[in-house]
Every structure is written in C-alpha cells, then in structure tokens.
Amino acid sequence: MRKKLINLLFILPIITLFALFFLLPMGLLAIRSFSGEGGFTFGNYTAIITNPRYFKALWNSLWLSIAVTAVTLVISGVIAFFLARREFRGKNLYMTLITFPVSLPGVVVGFMIIILFGTTGVIPMLTRMLFGKAQGTFAYTITGIFFAYLYFSIPKTVMTIYGSVVEFDIRLEEAARTVGANEQQAIFQVVIPTLAPVFISASALAFCTNMSAFGTAFTLANQFEIIPILMYTEYTNYFNISGASAMAIFIGVVCVALNMVARVLLEKE
C-alpha cells in the first residue's frame, strides 16, 4: 500500500502537467475547430484543402518539411557515422559545436540568415564587392527558410543517429566483411538497413519540427505562407479562431501519428 502511494505521488504531478498543458489545450482547440456560425461543422478542416490560400500554405509546409528532412538525413547520417567510427583530436569540441544550434531560439536563427543573406547581408555585400553584383539575397524566400530549418535540424538528427551507430553490434558488419563485402557495401547492405528504424525516427522528428516551427518562419516568411504563419495571421488579423484551431489540430495529429509509428518501429528494433 505504501509503495503504491509513493508511486502515485511521483506519477500524479506528471499526469497533472500532461492534463493541464496538453490534454486541456488540445481539447479546447479540438472543440473550437469544429465550431462554425451554424454550430458543429467540419468546414474548418475541409477549408484546409478547398481554400486555395490554405492549400497553398499546406503544400509549401509539406514540401519544405520533406525537402529539409531528406537533406538533413543525408548530411546527418554522414556526420554521425564519421563521429562514431573515427577518433581524432578535438572530437569533443567538434561535437559541442555540432549541437550548439539546438540551444538557439528560432528567431535568432532567422536573424542569422538575414545577416548572411539579407539585402545588405554579408554574402550579398561580398559578392557585390568582388563581382559588381549582389548574389545570394534569398533570406526572405523559401530558400532562406530552407537553410534556416536545415541549420537547426541537423544537430538533433546527428545526435539521434550517432547514439545508435555507436551501440551498433560491429560483429554484424564484420560478418559481412568476411563474406567479401567491402566497407561501403557493409554499411549500405547491413548497417543502414539494421538501423532503418532509427533513421525513420530521426526523420519523423525532423519533419515534425520543420512542419510546426514558428519563430524562424515568422522572421523569414515574408514572401510566402506556410501553415504556422497562416495560423498566426488567421488568428491575429482575421480573428478566425476556429480555422486556426483546425490547422493546429491538423498539424498535431500528423506529427503525433508520425512519432507513434516511429516509436513502434524503434521498439521493434
């Protein structure tokens, strides 16, 4: 009885926080997302597809998140394998620098892109001095936000993959080498397929982060719309709380579903 009481005392704060800061807000958002002028409606959800402006923002968010996730996975995979398989001077410092972007707020990352690639940024000014014409002024375009998302996606993905590569049973790779596989063949035919659940999990995390990121997008997305910015403008400019709520629930459901699938695959591993 005493043990159950102690367990309850430890679990209760977690349940309370989960209820107050997840279930309650999500519940209120869900209720509001089905509200319309005539009462209950699915119109706020169908509008995400049928409204050209909403659908354009959704499309921008989807392809941007997928593109960033794909590039992130390739770059992070190479870095993670290199760090896990190689020892060199300054490795700890290098890993610290790799994870540094995780500590930066999205707004700061956005301003870094502006400083580098804005109209009066470092890169355009240098190219103007060298070639007589400014190049690389894409801070406020989809390219700018692509690089910003890439900047803070890579560190998380590297650390996710790195831990699994370090713990990988090297005997499986050695067995492949004994039957004639070279290093590249062993990695692509044995290591990567074995670690596929980890790559899927890292991809889900990167995709959801990019799909829902607001601070960076708010700083840079002046020439196009994505779902997080559309939610903000619908709420603040048009007081369309129901529409914004539907978009929030939509993103939440997609991200939760992806992470649940990734979690199941990781447990199977």
Protein backbone atom coordinates (compact mmCIF):
# COMPACT_ATOMS: atom_id res chain seq x y z
CA MET A 1 0.00 0.00 0.00
CA ARG A 2 2.79 2.39 0.94
CA LYS A 3 4.67 1.58 -2.27
CA LYS A 4 1.56 2.31 -4.34
CA LEU A 5 1.10 5.62 -2.54
CA ILE A 6 4.72 6.63 -3.21
CA ASN A 7 4.33 5.68 -6.88
CA LEU A 8 1.14 7.73 -7.07
CA LEU A 9 2.88 10.76 -5.54
CA PHE A 10 5.54 10.59 -8.25
CA ILE A 11 3.12 9.94 -11.10
CA LEU A 12 0.44 12.46 -10.11
CA PRO A 13 2.48 15.62 -10.94
CA ILE A 14 3.31 14.19 -14.37
CA ILE A 15 -0.33 13.36 -15.05
CA THR A 16 -1.40 16.81 -13.83
CA LEU A 17 1.10 18.61 -16.06
CA PHE A 18 0.14 16.43 -19.03
CA ALA A 19 -3.54 17.17 -18.48
CA LEU A 20 -3.08 20.93 -17.97
CA PHE A 21 -0.55 21.63 -20.70
CA PHE A 22 -1.53 19.07 -23.35
CA LEU A 23 -4.94 17.47 -22.94
CA LEU A 24 -6.79 20.64 -21.89
CA PRO A 25 -5.36 22.94 -24.61
CA MET A 26 -5.73 20.27 -27.29
CA GLY A 27 -9.27 19.54 -26.14
CA LEU A 28 -10.24 23.21 -26.30
CA LEU A 29 -8.60 23.55 -29.72
CA ALA A 30 -10.46 20.47 -30.96
CA ILE A 31 -13.81 21.81 -29.74
CA ARG A 32 -13.18 25.19 -31.32
CA SER A 33 -12.01 23.62 -34.58
CA PHE A 34 -15.44 22.07 -35.10
CA SER A 35 -17.26 25.33 -34.37
CA GLY A 36 -18.88 27.44 -37.08
CA GLU A 37 -21.55 30.07 -37.47
CA GLY A 38 -24.25 27.42 -37.56
CA GLY A 39 -22.77 25.24 -34.81
CA PHE A 40 -20.91 21.96 -35.33
CA THR A 41 -19.08 21.75 -38.67
CA PHE A 42 -16.25 20.03 -40.50
CA GLY A 43 -15.87 23.10 -42.68
CA ASN A 44 -12.76 24.36 -40.93
CA TYR A 45 -10.96 21.14 -41.86
CA THR A 46 -12.25 20.89 -45.42
CA ALA A 47 -11.21 24.52 -45.94
CA ILE A 48 -7.57 23.49 -45.49
CA ILE A 49 -7.92 21.56 -48.76
CA THR A 50 -10.60 23.52 -50.62
CA ASN A 51 -9.45 27.08 -49.87
CA PRO A 52 -6.68 27.89 -52.41
CA ARG A 53 -4.75 30.08 -49.96
CA TYR A 54 -4.89 27.47 -47.19
CA PHE A 55 -3.95 24.64 -49.54
CA LYS A 56 -1.01 26.63 -50.92
CA ALA A 57 0.29 27.17 -47.37
CA LEU A 58 -0.18 23.46 -46.61
CA TRP A 59 1.66 22.49 -49.80
CA ASN A 60 4.51 24.88 -49.00
CA SER A 61 4.81 23.40 -45.50
CA LEU A 62 4.73 19.80 -46.70
CA TRP A 63 7.29 20.01 -49.49
CA LEU A 64 9.57 22.29 -47.48
CA SER A 65 9.49 19.92 -44.49
CA ILE A 66 10.04 16.86 -46.67
CA ALA A 67 12.93 18.50 -48.56
CA VAL A 68 14.65 19.69 -45.38
CA THR A 69 14.15 16.29 -43.75
CA ALA A 70 15.66 14.44 -46.73
CA VAL A 71 18.74 16.67 -46.91
CA THR A 72 19.08 16.64 -43.12
CA LEU A 73 19.02 12.84 -43.05
CA VAL A 74 21.81 12.52 -45.63
CA ILE A 75 24.10 15.14 -44.06
CA SER A 76 23.41 13.99 -40.50
CA GLY A 77 23.93 10.34 -41.41
CA VAL A 78 27.37 11.06 -42.87
CA ILE A 79 28.39 13.19 -39.86
CA ALA A 80 27.04 10.66 -37.34
CA PHE A 81 28.89 7.74 -38.98
CA PHE A 82 32.09 9.77 -39.17
CA LEU A 83 31.93 10.76 -35.49
CA ALA A 84 31.01 7.25 -34.35
CA ARG A 85 33.70 5.46 -36.36
CA ARG A 86 36.61 7.90 -36.14
CA GLU A 87 38.74 9.21 -33.29
CA PHE A 88 40.60 12.49 -33.76
CA ARG A 89 41.88 15.46 -31.81
CA GLY A 90 39.20 17.96 -30.90
CA LYS A 91 36.35 15.47 -31.36
CA ASN A 92 34.59 16.58 -28.16
CA LEU A 93 34.86 20.23 -29.22
CA TYR A 94 33.53 19.33 -32.66
CA MET A 95 30.53 17.53 -31.15
CA THR A 96 29.87 20.52 -28.89
CA LEU A 97 29.87 22.84 -31.91
CA ILE A 98 27.57 20.47 -33.79
CA THR A 99 24.96 20.59 -31.01
CA PHE A 100 25.27 24.35 -30.44
CA PRO A 101 22.40 25.34 -32.80
CA VAL A 102 19.94 23.34 -30.65
CA SER A 103 20.25 25.99 -27.92
CA LEU A 104 19.37 28.87 -30.26
CA PRO A 105 15.77 30.15 -30.48
CA GLY A 106 14.19 30.07 -33.92
CA VAL A 107 14.06 33.87 -34.12
CA VAL A 108 17.83 34.05 -33.60
CA VAL A 109 18.39 31.53 -36.40
CA GLY A 110 16.15 33.63 -38.62
CA PHE A 111 18.14 36.79 -37.94
CA MET A 112 21.39 34.90 -38.63
CA ILE A 113 20.05 34.07 -42.10
CA ILE A 114 19.09 37.73 -42.61
CA ILE A 115 22.58 38.88 -41.56
CA LEU A 116 24.16 36.44 -44.01
CA PHE A 117 21.72 36.52 -46.94
CA GLY A 118 19.58 39.64 -46.47
CA THR A 119 19.60 42.57 -48.91
CA THR A 120 22.50 44.14 -47.01
CA GLY A 121 23.82 40.82 -45.70
CA VAL A 122 27.41 39.65 -45.58
CA ILE A 123 27.25 37.39 -48.64
CA PRO A 124 25.49 39.90 -50.96
CA MET A 125 27.91 42.65 -49.91
CA LEU A 126 30.94 40.43 -50.56
CA THR A 127 29.67 39.33 -53.97
CA ARG A 128 28.92 42.95 -54.86
CA MET A 129 32.48 43.93 -53.96
CA LEU A 130 34.02 41.00 -55.84
CA PHE A 131 31.78 40.72 -58.91
CA GLY A 132 29.96 44.06 -59.06
CA LYS A 133 26.56 42.46 -58.48
CA ALA A 134 24.95 41.21 -55.28
CA GLN A 135 24.29 37.47 -55.18
CA GLY A 136 22.65 35.32 -52.52
CA THR A 137 19.90 37.72 -51.40
CA PHE A 138 17.42 34.96 -50.57
CA ALA A 139 16.86 35.47 -46.84
CA TYR A 140 13.14 36.17 -47.21
CA THR A 141 12.46 33.46 -49.78
CA ILE A 142 11.71 29.77 -49.41
CA THR A 143 15.44 29.13 -49.90
CA GLY A 144 16.27 31.22 -46.83
CA ILE A 145 13.88 29.33 -44.61
CA PHE A 146 15.16 26.05 -46.09
CA PHE A 147 18.69 26.83 -44.89
CA ALA A 148 17.39 28.04 -41.53
CA TYR A 149 15.43 24.82 -40.95
CA LEU A 150 18.42 22.79 -42.10
CA TYR A 151 20.63 24.61 -39.60
CA PHE A 152 18.65 23.59 -36.53
CA SER A 153 17.50 20.18 -37.85
CA ILE A 154 20.96 18.70 -38.43
CA PRO A 155 22.21 18.74 -34.78
CA LYS A 156 19.17 16.87 -33.41
CA THR A 157 19.32 14.30 -36.18
CA VAL A 158 23.08 13.80 -35.82
CA MET A 159 22.79 13.04 -32.11
CA THR A 160 19.82 10.69 -32.67
CA ILE A 161 21.71 8.64 -35.26
CA TYR A 162 25.11 8.91 -33.55
CA GLY A 163 24.00 7.05 -30.41
CA SER A 164 22.61 4.15 -32.41
CA VAL A 165 25.71 3.87 -34.61
CA VAL A 166 27.93 3.78 -31.50
CA GLU A 167 25.80 0.99 -29.99
CA PHE A 168 25.58 -0.97 -33.25
CA ASP A 169 26.88 -4.55 -32.97
CA ILE A 170 30.04 -4.33 -35.05
CA ARG A 171 30.09 -8.13 -35.38
CA LEU A 172 27.28 -7.92 -37.94
CA GLU A 173 29.39 -5.66 -40.12
CA GLU A 174 32.46 -7.86 -39.62
CA ALA A 175 30.44 -10.90 -40.70
CA ALA A 176 29.53 -9.12 -43.93
CA ARG A 177 33.19 -8.24 -44.50
CA THR A 178 34.24 -11.89 -44.07
CA VAL A 179 31.98 -12.97 -46.96
CA GLY A 180 33.51 -10.44 -49.34
CA ALA A 181 31.69 -7.16 -48.74
CA ASN A 182 33.81 -4.02 -48.72
CA GLU A 183 33.31 -1.20 -46.21
CA GLN A 184 30.75 0.67 -48.31
CA GLN A 185 28.77 -2.49 -49.10
CA ALA A 186 28.72 -3.49 -45.43
CA ILE A 187 27.41 -0.07 -44.43
CA PHE A 188 24.71 0.15 -47.11
CA GLN A 189 23.63 -3.51 -47.04
CA VAL A 190 23.96 -4.31 -43.32
CA VAL A 191 24.36 -1.28 -41.07
CA ILE A 192 21.85 1.12 -42.61
CA PRO A 193 19.06 -1.49 -43.06
CA THR A 194 19.57 -2.60 -39.45
CA LEU A 195 19.39 1.00 -38.25
CA ALA A 196 16.43 1.84 -40.50
CA PRO A 197 14.04 2.35 -37.54
CA VAL A 198 16.44 4.93 -36.11
CA PHE A 199 16.56 6.78 -39.42
CA ILE A 200 12.77 6.71 -39.60
CA SER A 201 12.52 8.05 -36.05
CA ALA A 202 15.02 10.81 -36.80
CA SER A 203 13.12 11.67 -39.98
CA ALA A 204 9.82 11.89 -38.10
CA LEU A 205 11.36 14.20 -35.50
CA ALA A 206 12.92 16.44 -38.15
CA PHE A 207 9.74 16.56 -40.24
CA CYS A 208 7.52 17.46 -37.29
CA THR A 209 9.96 20.12 -36.08
CA ASN A 210 10.05 21.72 -39.53
CA MET A 211 6.31 21.39 -40.08
CA SER A 212 5.45 23.24 -36.87
CA ALA A 213 8.38 25.68 -36.46
CA PHE A 214 7.14 29.24 -35.95
CA GLY A 215 9.89 31.58 -34.74
CA THR A 216 12.17 31.13 -37.74
CA ALA A 217 9.28 31.19 -40.20
CA PHE A 218 7.85 34.33 -38.59
CA THR A 219 11.19 36.08 -39.09
CA LEU A 220 11.76 34.99 -42.70
CA ALA A 221 8.44 34.10 -44.37
CA ASN A 222 7.60 37.48 -45.88
CA GLN A 223 7.16 36.38 -49.49
CA PHE A 224 5.21 33.15 -48.97
CA GLU A 225 2.93 31.43 -46.47
CA ILE A 226 3.29 28.18 -44.58
CA ILE A 227 0.83 26.64 -42.13
CA PRO A 228 2.28 28.05 -38.86
CA ILE A 229 2.32 31.59 -40.28
CA LEU A 230 -1.15 31.14 -41.78
CA MET A 231 -2.46 30.06 -38.36
CA TYR A 232 -0.98 33.19 -36.80
CA THR A 233 -2.38 35.57 -39.42
CA GLU A 234 -5.82 33.94 -39.36
CA TYR A 235 -5.98 34.36 -35.60
CA THR A 236 -4.44 37.83 -35.23
CA ASN A 237 -5.56 39.56 -38.44
CA TYR A 238 -8.95 37.96 -39.03
CA PHE A 239 -9.81 36.56 -35.60
CA ASN A 240 -10.56 33.23 -37.28
CA ILE A 241 -10.03 31.17 -34.14
CA SER A 242 -11.90 28.13 -35.45
CA GLY A 243 -9.87 27.99 -38.67
CA ALA A 244 -6.57 28.45 -36.83
CA SER A 245 -7.60 25.76 -34.34
CA ALA A 246 -8.33 23.30 -37.16
CA MET A 247 -4.88 23.92 -38.64
CA ALA A 248 -3.26 23.40 -35.24
CA ILE A 249 -5.13 20.13 -34.70
CA PHE A 250 -4.24 19.01 -38.23
CA ILE A 251 -0.52 19.56 -37.64
CA GLY A 252 -0.76 17.97 -34.19
CA VAL A 253 -2.48 14.82 -35.48
CA VAL A 254 0.04 14.41 -38.33
CA CYS A 255 3.03 14.83 -36.01
CA VAL A 256 1.66 12.58 -33.25
CA ALA A 257 0.84 9.86 -35.79
CA LEU A 258 4.32 10.02 -37.33
CA ASN A 259 6.02 9.87 -33.95
CA MET A 260 3.84 6.94 -32.83
CA VAL A 261 4.82 4.99 -35.94
CA ALA A 262 8.48 5.84 -35.34
CA ARG A 263 8.16 4.76 -31.72
CA VAL A 264 6.68 1.39 -32.68
CA LEU A 265 9.49 0.80 -35.18
CA LEU A 266 12.13 1.70 -32.59
CA GLU A 267 10.64 -0.74 -30.09
CA LYS A 268 10.72 -3.48 -32.73
CA GLU A 269 14.41 -2.75 -33.28
